[in-house]
Amino acid sequence: GVMSVDKKTTATVNSFIDLDFQPNAGEEEEFALYVAKNENDAAKAGYDKQNKTDKLLLWNQDVTEPGVVLRYLHYIGAQDFTHDTDSVKEVHNLRKLDGTRSMLHKAKVVGVGEIEYF
């Protein structure tokens, strides 16, 4: 899930838990997540309410120290490592991530996207 938070108080302001990060018919579902204090600010950065791939997460107007938390939760059981080479590859690629855009593009982990700031 994704949460907008107030870093000053550590409060969760808003959240999405229903974003579908799973492949659809072998293809990755792409979406743009806009996080803003209001819909007008998000629209200035390109958010389009009519576009189904645009998602909006709002902060409260009172938040003075905004933050965004992304939780990538994926349980891989012990037997997956012995029988499922895709699970082994996924864990290997997750471990490669170092916070840089270049490694993000090389690793290509489903559900881990690029963040752009406006």
PDB file of N, CA and C in Angstrom:
ATOM      1  N   GLY A   1       0.814  -1.182   0.000  1.00  0.00           N
ATOM      2  CA  GLY A   1       0.000   0.000   0.000  1.00  0.00           C
ATOM      3  C   GLY A   1       0.860   1.248   0.000  1.00  0.00           C
ATOM      4  N   VAL A   2       0.224   2.369  -0.183  1.00  0.00           N
ATOM      5  CA  VAL A   2       0.882   3.673  -0.198  1.00  0.00           C
ATOM      6  C   VAL A   2       0.170   4.568   0.806  1.00  0.00           C
ATOM      7  N   MET A   3       0.943   5.289   1.603  1.00  0.00           N
ATOM      8  CA  MET A   3       0.366   6.182   2.605  1.00  0.00           C
ATOM      9  C   MET A   3       0.952   7.580   2.465  1.00  0.00           C
ATOM     10  N   SER A   4       0.097   8.588   2.609  1.00  0.00           N
ATOM     11  CA  SER A   4       0.596   9.946   2.791  1.00  0.00           C
ATOM     12  C   SER A   4       0.628  10.154   4.304  1.00  0.00           C
ATOM     13  N   VAL A   5       1.730  10.716   4.776  1.00  0.00           N
ATOM     14  CA  VAL A   5       1.923  10.850   6.219  1.00  0.00           C
ATOM     15  C   VAL A   5       2.360  12.260   6.587  1.00  0.00           C
ATOM     16  N   ASP A   6       2.162  12.571   7.859  1.00  0.00           N
ATOM     17  CA  ASP A   6       2.665  13.807   8.443  1.00  0.00           C
ATOM     18  C   ASP A   6       3.906  13.418   9.240  1.00  0.00           C
ATOM     19  N   LYS A   7       5.082  13.755   8.711  1.00  0.00           N
ATOM     20  CA  LYS A   7       6.321  13.344   9.383  1.00  0.00           C
ATOM     21  C   LYS A   7       6.475  13.993  10.749  1.00  0.00           C
ATOM     22  N   LYS A   8       5.882  15.158  10.935  1.00  0.00           N
ATOM     23  CA  LYS A   8       5.996  15.857  12.208  1.00  0.00           C
ATOM     24  C   LYS A   8       5.279  15.109  13.329  1.00  0.00           C
ATOM     25  N   THR A   9       4.106  14.551  13.020  1.00  0.00           N
ATOM     26  CA  THR A   9       3.317  13.854  14.043  1.00  0.00           C
ATOM     27  C   THR A   9       3.335  12.335  13.854  1.00  0.00           C
ATOM     28  N   THR A  10       3.895  11.861  12.749  1.00  0.00           N
ATOM     29  CA  THR A  10       3.913  10.452  12.311  1.00  0.00           C
ATOM     30  C   THR A  10       2.523   9.904  12.003  1.00  0.00           C
ATOM     31  N   ALA A  11       1.547  10.770  11.852  1.00  0.00           N
ATOM     32  CA  ALA A  11       0.178  10.334  11.557  1.00  0.00           C
ATOM     33  C   ALA A  11       0.042   9.946  10.087  1.00  0.00           C
ATOM     34  N   THR A  12      -0.740   8.890   9.840  1.00  0.00           N
ATOM     35  CA  THR A  12      -1.134   8.551   8.474  1.00  0.00           C
ATOM     36  C   THR A  12      -2.307   9.448   8.114  1.00  0.00           C
ATOM     37  N   VAL A  13      -2.192  10.170   7.016  1.00  0.00           N
ATOM     38  CA  VAL A  13      -3.231  11.111   6.609  1.00  0.00           C
ATOM     39  C   VAL A  13      -4.217  10.441   5.658  1.00  0.00           C
ATOM     40  N   ASN A  14      -3.693   9.673   4.714  1.00  0.00           N
ATOM     41  CA  ASN A  14      -4.513   9.026   3.710  1.00  0.00           C
ATOM     42  C   ASN A  14      -3.763   7.798   3.226  1.00  0.00           C
ATOM     43  N   SER A  15      -4.474   6.848   2.626  1.00  0.00           N
ATOM     44  CA  SER A  15      -3.767   5.659   2.139  1.00  0.00           C
ATOM     45  C   SER A  15      -4.540   4.949   1.042  1.00  0.00           C
ATOM     46  N   PHE A  16      -3.796   4.187   0.260  1.00  0.00           N
ATOM     47  CA  PHE A  16      -4.342   3.259  -0.724  1.00  0.00           C
ATOM     48  C   PHE A  16      -3.854   1.882  -0.330  1.00  0.00           C
ATOM     49  N   ILE A  17      -4.751   0.936  -0.274  1.00  0.00           N
ATOM     50  CA  ILE A  17      -4.298  -0.430  -0.065  1.00  0.00           C
ATOM     51  C   ILE A  17      -4.752  -1.324  -1.213  1.00  0.00           C
ATOM     52  N   ASP A  18      -5.495  -0.750  -2.141  1.00  0.00           N
ATOM     53  CA  ASP A  18      -6.069  -1.558  -3.205  1.00  0.00           C
ATOM     54  C   ASP A  18      -5.399  -1.369  -4.552  1.00  0.00           C
ATOM     55  N   LEU A  19      -4.218  -0.781  -4.602  1.00  0.00           N
ATOM     56  CA  LEU A  19      -3.528  -0.634  -5.877  1.00  0.00           C
ATOM     57  C   LEU A  19      -3.097  -2.011  -6.353  1.00  0.00           C
ATOM     58  N   ASP A  20      -3.377  -2.318  -7.601  1.00  0.00           N
ATOM     59  CA  ASP A  20      -3.062  -3.632  -8.140  1.00  0.00           C
ATOM     60  C   ASP A  20      -1.683  -3.603  -8.774  1.00  0.00           C
ATOM     61  N   PHE A  21      -0.707  -4.197  -8.081  1.00  0.00           N
ATOM     62  CA  PHE A  21       0.655  -4.248  -8.587  1.00  0.00           C
ATOM     63  C   PHE A  21       0.932  -5.556  -9.323  1.00  0.00           C
ATOM     64  N   GLN A  22      -0.073  -6.373  -9.505  1.00  0.00           N
ATOM     65  CA  GLN A  22       0.135  -7.697 -10.098  1.00  0.00           C
ATOM     66  C   GLN A  22       0.128  -7.621 -11.617  1.00  0.00           C
ATOM     67  N   PRO A  23       0.890  -8.513 -12.247  1.00  0.00           N
ATOM     68  CA  PRO A  23       0.864  -8.566 -13.717  1.00  0.00           C
ATOM     69  C   PRO A  23      -0.525  -8.954 -14.214  1.00  0.00           C
ATOM     70  N   ASN A  24      -0.910  -8.395 -15.325  1.00  0.00           N
ATOM     71  CA  ASN A  24      -2.205  -8.691 -15.923  1.00  0.00           C
ATOM     72  C   ASN A  24      -1.937  -9.310 -17.292  1.00  0.00           C
ATOM     73  N   ALA A  25      -2.242 -10.585 -17.420  1.00  0.00           N
ATOM     74  CA  ALA A  25      -2.031 -11.304 -18.685  1.00  0.00           C
ATOM     75  C   ALA A  25      -0.594 -11.170 -19.160  1.00  0.00           C
ATOM     76  N   GLY A  26       0.358 -11.259 -18.214  1.00  0.00           N
ATOM     77  CA  GLY A  26       1.768 -11.200 -18.577  1.00  0.00           C
ATOM     78  C   GLY A  26       2.315  -9.795 -18.730  1.00  0.00           C
ATOM     79  N   GLU A  27       1.495  -8.788 -18.574  1.00  0.00           N
ATOM     80  CA  GLU A  27       1.937  -7.401 -18.716  1.00  0.00           C
ATOM     81  C   GLU A  27       1.863  -6.710 -17.361  1.00  0.00           C
ATOM     82  N   GLU A  28       2.775  -5.774 -17.104  1.00  0.00           N
ATOM     83  CA  GLU A  28       2.707  -4.999 -15.869  1.00  0.00           C
ATOM     84  C   GLU A  28       1.644  -3.929 -16.008  1.00  0.00           C
ATOM     85  N   GLU A  29       0.837  -3.768 -14.956  1.00  0.00           N
ATOM     86  CA  GLU A  29      -0.143  -2.689 -14.944  1.00  0.00           C
ATOM     87  C   GLU A  29       0.598  -1.419 -14.557  1.00  0.00           C
ATOM     88  N   GLU A  30       0.500  -0.405 -15.387  1.00  0.00           N
ATOM     89  CA  GLU A  30       1.158   0.848 -15.082  1.00  0.00           C
ATOM     90  C   GLU A  30       0.137   1.861 -14.611  1.00  0.00           C
ATOM     91  N   PHE A  31       0.561   2.709 -13.678  1.00  0.00           N
ATOM     92  CA  PHE A  31      -0.289   3.781 -13.202  1.00  0.00           C
ATOM     93  C   PHE A  31       0.612   4.907 -12.735  1.00  0.00           C
ATOM     94  N   ALA A  32       0.030   6.080 -12.621  1.00  0.00           N
ATOM     95  CA  ALA A  32       0.738   7.242 -12.083  1.00  0.00           C
ATOM     96  C   ALA A  32       0.060   7.612 -10.771  1.00  0.00           C
ATOM     97  N   LEU A  33       0.827   7.695  -9.721  1.00  0.00           N
ATOM     98  CA  LEU A  33       0.306   8.085  -8.415  1.00  0.00           C
ATOM     99  C   LEU A  33       0.706   9.533  -8.155  1.00  0.00           C
ATOM    100  N   TYR A  34      -0.287  10.379  -7.969  1.00  0.00           N
ATOM    101  CA  TYR A  34      -0.057  11.787  -7.655  1.00  0.00           C
ATOM    102  C   TYR A  34      -0.357  11.992  -6.178  1.00  0.00           C
ATOM    103  N   VAL A  35       0.554  12.623  -5.478  1.00  0.00           N
ATOM    104  CA  VAL A  35       0.360  12.927  -4.058  1.00  0.00           C
ATOM    105  C   VAL A  35       0.453  14.438  -3.917  1.00  0.00           C
ATOM    106  N   ALA A  36      -0.623  15.029  -3.414  1.00  0.00           N
ATOM    107  CA  ALA A  36      -0.679  16.489  -3.339  1.00  0.00           C
ATOM    108  C   ALA A  36      -1.583  16.910  -2.188  1.00  0.00           C
ATOM    109  N   LYS A  37      -1.553  18.213  -1.872  1.00  0.00           N
ATOM    110  CA  LYS A  37      -2.430  18.736  -0.822  1.00  0.00           C
ATOM    111  C   LYS A  37      -3.860  18.882  -1.307  1.00  0.00           C
ATOM    112  N   ASN A  38      -4.035  19.046  -2.631  1.00  0.00           N
ATOM    113  CA  ASN A  38      -5.391  19.148  -3.166  1.00  0.00           C
ATOM    114  C   ASN A  38      -5.377  18.727  -4.640  1.00  0.00           C
ATOM    115  N   GLU A  39      -6.555  18.516  -5.174  1.00  0.00           N
ATOM    116  CA  GLU A  39      -6.676  18.024  -6.544  1.00  0.00           C
ATOM    117  C   GLU A  39      -6.163  19.037  -7.572  1.00  0.00           C
ATOM    118  N   ASN A  40      -6.320  20.326  -7.295  1.00  0.00           N
ATOM    119  CA  ASN A  40      -5.826  21.350  -8.227  1.00  0.00           C
ATOM    120  C   ASN A  40      -4.317  21.293  -8.378  1.00  0.00           C
ATOM    121  N   ASP A  41      -3.597  21.110  -7.265  1.00  0.00           N
ATOM    122  CA  ASP A  41      -2.134  20.993  -7.340  1.00  0.00           C
ATOM    123  C   ASP A  41      -1.735  19.761  -8.135  1.00  0.00           C
ATOM    124  N   ALA A  42      -2.445  18.653  -7.935  1.00  0.00           N
ATOM    125  CA  ALA A  42      -2.150  17.423  -8.672  1.00  0.00           C
ATOM    126  C   ALA A  42      -2.408  17.626 -10.168  1.00  0.00           C
ATOM    127  N   ALA A  43      -3.486  18.338 -10.507  1.00  0.00           N
ATOM    128  CA  ALA A  43      -3.809  18.596 -11.912  1.00  0.00           C
ATOM    129  C   ALA A  43      -2.716  19.427 -12.580  1.00  0.00           C
ATOM    130  N   LYS A  44      -2.117  20.360 -11.846  1.00  0.00           N
ATOM    131  CA  LYS A  44      -1.020  21.168 -12.392  1.00  0.00           C
ATOM    132  C   LYS A  44       0.180  20.303 -12.748  1.00  0.00           C
ATOM    133  N   ALA A  45       0.337  19.170 -12.046  1.00  0.00           N
ATOM    134  CA  ALA A  45       1.458  18.255 -12.311  1.00  0.00           C
ATOM    135  C   ALA A  45       1.081  17.190 -13.347  1.00  0.00           C
ATOM    136  N   GLY A  46      -0.189  17.216 -13.830  1.00  0.00           N
ATOM    137  CA  GLY A  46      -0.583  16.292 -14.885  1.00  0.00           C
ATOM    138  C   GLY A  46      -1.674  15.312 -14.520  1.00  0.00           C
ATOM    139  N   TYR A  47      -2.149  15.333 -13.276  1.00  0.00           N
ATOM    140  CA  TYR A  47      -3.215  14.414 -12.853  1.00  0.00           C
ATOM    141  C   TYR A  47      -4.486  14.670 -13.653  1.00  0.00           C
ATOM    142  N   ASP A  48      -5.099  13.584 -14.148  1.00  0.00           N
ATOM    143  CA  ASP A  48      -6.341  13.667 -14.899  1.00  0.00           C
ATOM    144  C   ASP A  48      -7.347  12.711 -14.263  1.00  0.00           C
ATOM    145  N   LYS A  49      -8.364  13.261 -13.635  1.00  0.00           N
ATOM    146  CA  LYS A  49      -9.380  12.468 -12.932  1.00  0.00           C
ATOM    147  C   LYS A  49     -10.044  11.444 -13.854  1.00  0.00           C
ATOM    148  N   GLN A  50     -10.154  11.762 -15.138  1.00  0.00           N
ATOM    149  CA  GLN A  50     -10.809  10.867 -16.098  1.00  0.00           C
ATOM    150  C   GLN A  50      -9.916   9.702 -16.538  1.00  0.00           C
ATOM    151  N   ASN A  51      -8.615   9.815 -16.318  1.00  0.00           N
ATOM    152  CA  ASN A  51      -7.667   8.772 -16.715  1.00  0.00           C
ATOM    153  C   ASN A  51      -7.627   7.690 -15.633  1.00  0.00           C
ATOM    154  N   LYS A  52      -8.036   6.474 -15.965  1.00  0.00           N
ATOM    155  CA  LYS A  52      -8.114   5.402 -14.972  1.00  0.00           C
ATOM    156  C   LYS A  52      -6.756   4.977 -14.436  1.00  0.00           C
ATOM    157  N   THR A  53      -5.669   5.319 -15.139  1.00  0.00           N
ATOM    158  CA  THR A  53      -4.346   4.949 -14.644  1.00  0.00           C
ATOM    159  C   THR A  53      -3.768   6.017 -13.723  1.00  0.00           C
ATOM    160  N   ASP A  54      -4.425   7.153 -13.585  1.00  0.00           N
ATOM    161  CA  ASP A  54      -3.991   8.196 -12.648  1.00  0.00           C
ATOM    162  C   ASP A  54      -4.658   7.967 -11.294  1.00  0.00           C
ATOM    163  N   LYS A  55      -3.855   7.873 -10.252  1.00  0.00           N
ATOM    164  CA  LYS A  55      -4.354   7.686  -8.884  1.00  0.00           C
ATOM    165  C   LYS A  55      -3.975   8.919  -8.081  1.00  0.00           C
ATOM    166  N   LEU A  56      -4.839   9.331  -7.157  1.00  0.00           N
ATOM    167  CA  LEU A  56      -4.594  10.535  -6.359  1.00  0.00           C
ATOM    168  C   LEU A  56      -4.627  10.198  -4.877  1.00  0.00           C
ATOM    169  N   LEU A  57      -3.594  10.606  -4.182  1.00  0.00           N
ATOM    170  CA  LEU A  57      -3.485  10.450  -2.736  1.00  0.00           C
ATOM    171  C   LEU A  57      -3.272  11.847  -2.163  1.00  0.00           C
ATOM    172  N   LEU A  58      -4.146  12.255  -1.241  1.00  0.00           N
ATOM    173  CA  LEU A  58      -4.096  13.631  -0.736  1.00  0.00           C
ATOM    174  C   LEU A  58      -3.515  13.729   0.672  1.00  0.00           C
ATOM    175  N   TRP A  59      -2.816  14.834   0.905  1.00  0.00           N
ATOM    176  CA  TRP A  59      -2.402  15.219   2.244  1.00  0.00           C
ATOM    177  C   TRP A  59      -3.437  16.188   2.783  1.00  0.00           C
ATOM    178  N   ASN A  60      -3.530  16.278   4.062  1.00  0.00           N
ATOM    179  CA  ASN A  60      -4.349  17.271   4.730  1.00  0.00           C
ATOM    180  C   ASN A  60      -3.693  18.640   4.521  1.00  0.00           C
ATOM    181  N   GLN A  61      -4.465  19.680   4.383  1.00  0.00           N
ATOM    182  CA  GLN A  61      -3.923  21.033   4.191  1.00  0.00           C
ATOM    183  C   GLN A  61      -3.042  21.467   5.360  1.00  0.00           C
ATOM    184  N   ASP A  62      -3.274  20.896   6.555  1.00  0.00           N
ATOM    185  CA  ASP A  62      -2.523  21.284   7.744  1.00  0.00           C
ATOM    186  C   ASP A  62      -1.146  20.636   7.849  1.00  0.00           C
ATOM    187  N   VAL A  63      -0.852  19.663   7.002  1.00  0.00           N
ATOM    188  CA  VAL A  63       0.421  18.947   7.094  1.00  0.00           C
ATOM    189  C   VAL A  63       1.562  19.875   6.685  1.00  0.00           C
ATOM    190  N   THR A  64       2.523  20.061   7.602  1.00  0.00           N
ATOM    191  CA  THR A  64       3.662  20.940   7.317  1.00  0.00           C
ATOM    192  C   THR A  64       4.905  20.157   6.897  1.00  0.00           C
ATOM    193  N   GLU A  65       4.955  18.866   7.254  1.00  0.00           N
ATOM    194  CA  GLU A  65       6.088  18.015   6.872  1.00  0.00           C
ATOM    195  C   GLU A  65       5.545  16.743   6.220  1.00  0.00           C
ATOM    196  N   PRO A  66       5.147  16.850   4.939  1.00  0.00           N
ATOM    197  CA  PRO A  66       4.538  15.694   4.278  1.00  0.00           C
ATOM    198  C   PRO A  66       5.561  14.617   3.929  1.00  0.00           C
ATOM    199  N   GLY A  67       5.075  13.391   3.887  1.00  0.00           N
ATOM    200  CA  GLY A  67       5.894  12.266   3.472  1.00  0.00           C
ATOM    201  C   GLY A  67       5.032  11.228   2.791  1.00  0.00           C
ATOM    202  N   VAL A  68       5.686  10.312   2.074  1.00  0.00           N
ATOM    203  CA  VAL A  68       4.995   9.220   1.404  1.00  0.00           C
ATOM    204  C   VAL A  68       5.682   7.920   1.810  1.00  0.00           C
ATOM    205  N   VAL A  69       4.888   6.923   2.164  1.00  0.00           N
ATOM    206  CA  VAL A  69       5.416   5.615   2.536  1.00  0.00           C
ATOM    207  C   VAL A  69       4.852   4.591   1.556  1.00  0.00           C
ATOM    208  N   LEU A  70       5.737   3.811   0.944  1.00  0.00           N
ATOM    209  CA  LEU A  70       5.334   2.727   0.057  1.00  0.00           C
ATOM    210  C   LEU A  70       5.717   1.420   0.721  1.00  0.00           C
ATOM    211  N   ARG A  71       4.746   0.550   0.889  1.00  0.00           N
ATOM    212  CA  ARG A  71       5.015  -0.779   1.454  1.00  0.00           C
ATOM    213  C   ARG A  71       4.897  -1.803   0.336  1.00  0.00           C
ATOM    214  N   TYR A  72       5.974  -2.501   0.111  1.00  0.00           N
ATOM    215  CA  TYR A  72       5.992  -3.584  -0.866  1.00  0.00           C
ATOM    216  C   TYR A  72       5.967  -4.880  -0.080  1.00  0.00           C
ATOM    217  N   LEU A  73       4.804  -5.468   0.053  1.00  0.00           N
ATOM    218  CA  LEU A  73       4.649  -6.691   0.827  1.00  0.00           C
ATOM    219  C   LEU A  73       4.385  -7.863  -0.112  1.00  0.00           C
ATOM    220  N   HIS A  74       5.227  -8.846  -0.012  1.00  0.00           N
ATOM    221  CA  HIS A  74       5.069 -10.030  -0.840  1.00  0.00           C
ATOM    222  C   HIS A  74       5.649 -11.196  -0.064  1.00  0.00           C
ATOM    223  N   TYR A  75       4.793 -12.097   0.345  1.00  0.00           N
ATOM    224  CA  TYR A  75       5.250 -13.245   1.116  1.00  0.00           C
ATOM    225  C   TYR A  75       5.717 -14.340   0.170  1.00  0.00           C
ATOM    226  N   ILE A  76       6.927 -14.793   0.397  1.00  0.00           N
ATOM    227  CA  ILE A  76       7.472 -15.905  -0.372  1.00  0.00           C
ATOM    228  C   ILE A  76       7.857 -16.980   0.628  1.00  0.00           C
ATOM    229  N   GLY A  77       7.176 -18.106   0.576  1.00  0.00           N
ATOM    230  CA  GLY A  77       7.429 -19.201   1.509  1.00  0.00           C
ATOM    231  C   GLY A  77       8.691 -19.970   1.159  1.00  0.00           C
ATOM    232  N   ALA A  78       9.168 -20.760   2.121  1.00  0.00           N
ATOM    233  CA  ALA A  78      10.398 -21.526   1.939  1.00  0.00           C
ATOM    234  C   ALA A  78      10.311 -22.459   0.743  1.00  0.00           C
ATOM    235  N   GLN A  79       9.136 -23.090   0.536  1.00  0.00           N
ATOM    236  CA  GLN A  79       9.039 -24.015  -0.587  1.00  0.00           C
ATOM    237  C   GLN A  79       9.110 -23.300  -1.923  1.00  0.00           C
ATOM    238  N   ASP A  80       8.771 -22.002  -1.960  1.00  0.00           N
ATOM    239  CA  ASP A  80       8.869 -21.248  -3.210  1.00  0.00           C
ATOM    240  C   ASP A  80      10.306 -21.210  -3.718  1.00  0.00           C
ATOM    241  N   PHE A  81      11.271 -21.192  -2.807  1.00  0.00           N
ATOM    242  CA  PHE A  81      12.668 -21.104  -3.214  1.00  0.00           C
ATOM    243  C   PHE A  81      13.177 -22.407  -3.813  1.00  0.00           C
ATOM    244  N   THR A  82      12.541 -23.491  -3.512  1.00  0.00           N
ATOM    245  CA  THR A  82      12.995 -24.760  -4.071  1.00  0.00           C
ATOM    246  C   THR A  82      12.236 -25.131  -5.333  1.00  0.00           C
ATOM    247  N   HIS A  83      11.029 -24.608  -5.498  1.00  0.00           N
ATOM    248  CA  HIS A  83      10.201 -25.007  -6.636  1.00  0.00           C
ATOM    249  C   HIS A  83       9.915 -23.900  -7.639  1.00  0.00           C
ATOM    250  N   ASP A  84      10.083 -22.658  -7.249  1.00  0.00           N
ATOM    251  CA  ASP A  84       9.634 -21.550  -8.089  1.00  0.00           C
ATOM    252  C   ASP A  84      10.804 -20.621  -8.405  1.00  0.00           C
ATOM    253  N   THR A  85      11.361 -20.751  -9.595  1.00  0.00           N
ATOM    254  CA  THR A  85      12.508 -19.918  -9.944  1.00  0.00           C
ATOM    255  C   THR A  85      12.123 -18.451 -10.074  1.00  0.00           C
ATOM    256  N   ASP A  86      10.846 -18.136 -10.372  1.00  0.00           N
ATOM    257  CA  ASP A  86      10.420 -16.733 -10.451  1.00  0.00           C
ATOM    258  C   ASP A  86      10.534 -16.049  -9.088  1.00  0.00           C
ATOM    259  N   SER A  87      10.204 -16.766  -8.017  1.00  0.00           N
ATOM    260  CA  SER A  87      10.334 -16.205  -6.663  1.00  0.00           C
ATOM    261  C   SER A  87      11.786 -15.925  -6.329  1.00  0.00           C
ATOM    262  N   VAL A  88      12.657 -16.835  -6.691  1.00  0.00           N
ATOM    263  CA  VAL A  88      14.087 -16.651  -6.436  1.00  0.00           C
ATOM    264  C   VAL A  88      14.592 -15.430  -7.192  1.00  0.00           C
ATOM    265  N   LYS A  89      14.196 -15.281  -8.459  1.00  0.00           N
ATOM    266  CA  LYS A  89      14.608 -14.120  -9.263  1.00  0.00           C
ATOM    267  C   LYS A  89      14.081 -12.820  -8.653  1.00  0.00           C
ATOM    268  N   GLU A  90      12.818 -12.846  -8.187  1.00  0.00           N
ATOM    269  CA  GLU A  90      12.233 -11.633  -7.613  1.00  0.00           C
ATOM    270  C   GLU A  90      13.003 -11.175  -6.379  1.00  0.00           C
ATOM    271  N   VAL A  91      13.295 -12.089  -5.479  1.00  0.00           N
ATOM    272  CA  VAL A  91      14.048 -11.749  -4.272  1.00  0.00           C
ATOM    273  C   VAL A  91      15.448 -11.255  -4.649  1.00  0.00           C
ATOM    274  N   HIS A  92      16.073 -11.900  -5.596  1.00  0.00           N
ATOM    275  CA  HIS A  92      17.410 -11.477  -6.060  1.00  0.00           C
ATOM    276  C   HIS A  92      17.359 -10.039  -6.591  1.00  0.00           C
ATOM    277  N   ASN A  93      16.337  -9.727  -7.405  1.00  0.00           N
ATOM    278  CA  ASN A  93      16.214  -8.379  -7.969  1.00  0.00           C
ATOM    279  C   ASN A  93      15.865  -7.338  -6.904  1.00  0.00           C
ATOM    280  N   LEU A  94      15.032  -7.697  -5.929  1.00  0.00           N
ATOM    281  CA  LEU A  94      14.722  -6.773  -4.832  1.00  0.00           C
ATOM    282  C   LEU A  94      15.989  -6.404  -4.064  1.00  0.00           C
ATOM    283  N   ARG A  95      16.861  -7.367  -3.873  1.00  0.00           N
ATOM    284  CA  ARG A  95      18.107  -7.112  -3.136  1.00  0.00           C
ATOM    285  C   ARG A  95      19.062  -6.206  -3.895  1.00  0.00           C
ATOM    286  N   LYS A  96      18.911  -6.123  -5.202  1.00  0.00           N
ATOM    287  CA  LYS A  96      19.761  -5.251  -6.023  1.00  0.00           C
ATOM    288  C   LYS A  96      19.422  -3.765  -5.850  1.00  0.00           C
ATOM    289  N   LEU A  97      18.158  -3.484  -5.496  1.00  0.00           N
ATOM    290  CA  LEU A  97      17.716  -2.088  -5.442  1.00  0.00           C
ATOM    291  C   LEU A  97      18.542  -1.297  -4.441  1.00  0.00           C
ATOM    292  N   ASP A  98      19.084  -0.180  -4.904  1.00  0.00           N
ATOM    293  CA  ASP A  98      19.953   0.640  -4.055  1.00  0.00           C
ATOM    294  C   ASP A  98      19.494   2.095  -3.963  1.00  0.00           C
ATOM    295  N   GLY A  99      18.275   2.374  -4.435  1.00  0.00           N
ATOM    296  CA  GLY A  99      17.746   3.736  -4.362  1.00  0.00           C
ATOM    297  C   GLY A  99      18.042   4.588  -5.578  1.00  0.00           C
ATOM    298  N   THR A 100      18.785   4.051  -6.546  1.00  0.00           N
ATOM    299  CA  THR A 100      19.100   4.825  -7.744  1.00  0.00           C
ATOM    300  C   THR A 100      18.146   4.463  -8.879  1.00  0.00           C
ATOM    301  N   ARG A 101      17.918   5.424  -9.777  1.00  0.00           N
ATOM    302  CA  ARG A 101      17.046   5.180 -10.923  1.00  0.00           C
ATOM    303  C   ARG A 101      17.657   4.150 -11.878  1.00  0.00           C
ATOM    304  N   SER A 102      18.963   4.192 -12.027  1.00  0.00           N
ATOM    305  CA  SER A 102      19.594   3.254 -12.964  1.00  0.00           C
ATOM    306  C   SER A 102      19.387   1.809 -12.519  1.00  0.00           C
ATOM    307  N   MET A 103      19.514   1.529 -11.230  1.00  0.00           N
ATOM    308  CA  MET A 103      19.304   0.162 -10.755  1.00  0.00           C
ATOM    309  C   MET A 103      17.824  -0.210 -10.811  1.00  0.00           C
ATOM    310  N   LEU A 104      16.939   0.758 -10.591  1.00  0.00           N
ATOM    311  CA  LEU A 104      15.505   0.504 -10.698  1.00  0.00           C
ATOM    312  C   LEU A 104      15.161  -0.003 -12.092  1.00  0.00           C
ATOM    313  N   HIS A 105      15.752   0.634 -13.123  1.00  0.00           N
ATOM    314  CA  HIS A 105      15.477   0.237 -14.502  1.00  0.00           C
ATOM    315  C   HIS A 105      16.107  -1.118 -14.832  1.00  0.00           C
ATOM    316  N   LYS A 106      17.241  -1.425 -14.235  1.00  0.00           N
ATOM    317  CA  LYS A 106      17.897  -2.714 -14.483  1.00  0.00           C
ATOM    318  C   LYS A 106      17.175  -3.858 -13.780  1.00  0.00           C
ATOM    319  N   ALA A 107      16.731  -3.641 -12.548  1.00  0.00           N
ATOM    320  CA  ALA A 107      16.140  -4.715 -11.744  1.00  0.00           C
ATOM    321  C   ALA A 107      14.750  -5.115 -12.235  1.00  0.00           C
ATOM    322  N   LYS A 108      13.937  -4.139 -12.671  1.00  0.00           N
ATOM    323  CA  LYS A 108      12.594  -4.391 -13.202  1.00  0.00           C
ATOM    324  C   LYS A 108      11.755  -5.289 -12.288  1.00  0.00           C
ATOM    325  N   VAL A 109      11.554  -4.851 -11.058  1.00  0.00           N
ATOM    326  CA  VAL A 109      10.730  -5.596 -10.110  1.00  0.00           C
ATOM    327  C   VAL A 109       9.282  -5.133 -10.240  1.00  0.00           C
ATOM    328  N   VAL A 110       8.367  -6.077 -10.452  1.00  0.00           N
ATOM    329  CA  VAL A 110       6.951  -5.743 -10.570  1.00  0.00           C
ATOM    330  C   VAL A 110       6.470  -5.054  -9.304  1.00  0.00           C
ATOM    331  N   GLY A 111       5.815  -3.898  -9.463  1.00  0.00           N
ATOM    332  CA  GLY A 111       5.265  -3.187  -8.314  1.00  0.00           C
ATOM    333  C   GLY A 111       6.184  -2.161  -7.710  1.00  0.00           C
ATOM    334  N   VAL A 112       7.424  -2.088  -8.165  1.00  0.00           N
ATOM    335  CA  VAL A 112       8.360  -1.085  -7.671  1.00  0.00           C
ATOM    336  C   VAL A 112       8.583  -0.107  -8.819  1.00  0.00           C
ATOM    337  N   GLY A 113       8.010   1.077  -8.670  1.00  0.00           N
ATOM    338  CA  GLY A 113       8.041   2.038  -9.774  1.00  0.00           C
ATOM    339  C   GLY A 113       8.928   3.223  -9.511  1.00  0.00           C
ATOM    340  N   GLU A 114       9.053   4.034 -10.522  1.00  0.00           N
ATOM    341  CA  GLU A 114       9.887   5.237 -10.453  1.00  0.00           C
ATOM    342  C   GLU A 114       9.089   6.369  -9.840  1.00  0.00           C
ATOM    343  N   ILE A 115       9.757   7.146  -9.011  1.00  0.00           N
ATOM    344  CA  ILE A 115       9.132   8.290  -8.370  1.00  0.00           C
ATOM    345  C   ILE A 115       9.641   9.558  -9.046  1.00  0.00           C
ATOM    346  N   GLU A 116       8.715  10.413  -9.447  1.00  0.00           N
ATOM    347  CA  GLU A 116       9.073  11.703 -10.025  1.00  0.00           C
ATOM    348  C   GLU A 116       8.514  12.799  -9.125  1.00  0.00           C
ATOM    349  N   TYR A 117       9.291  13.833  -8.934  1.00  0.00           N
ATOM    350  CA  TYR A 117       8.868  14.954  -8.095  1.00  0.00           C
ATOM    351  C   TYR A 117       8.586  16.158  -8.953  1.00  0.00           C
ATOM    352  N   PHE A 118       7.496  16.898  -8.607  1.00  0.00           N
ATOM    353  CA  PHE A 118       7.131  18.093  -9.361  1.00  0.00           C
ATOM    354  C   PHE A 118       7.143  19.286  -8.442  1.00  0.00           C
TER     355      PHE A 118
END
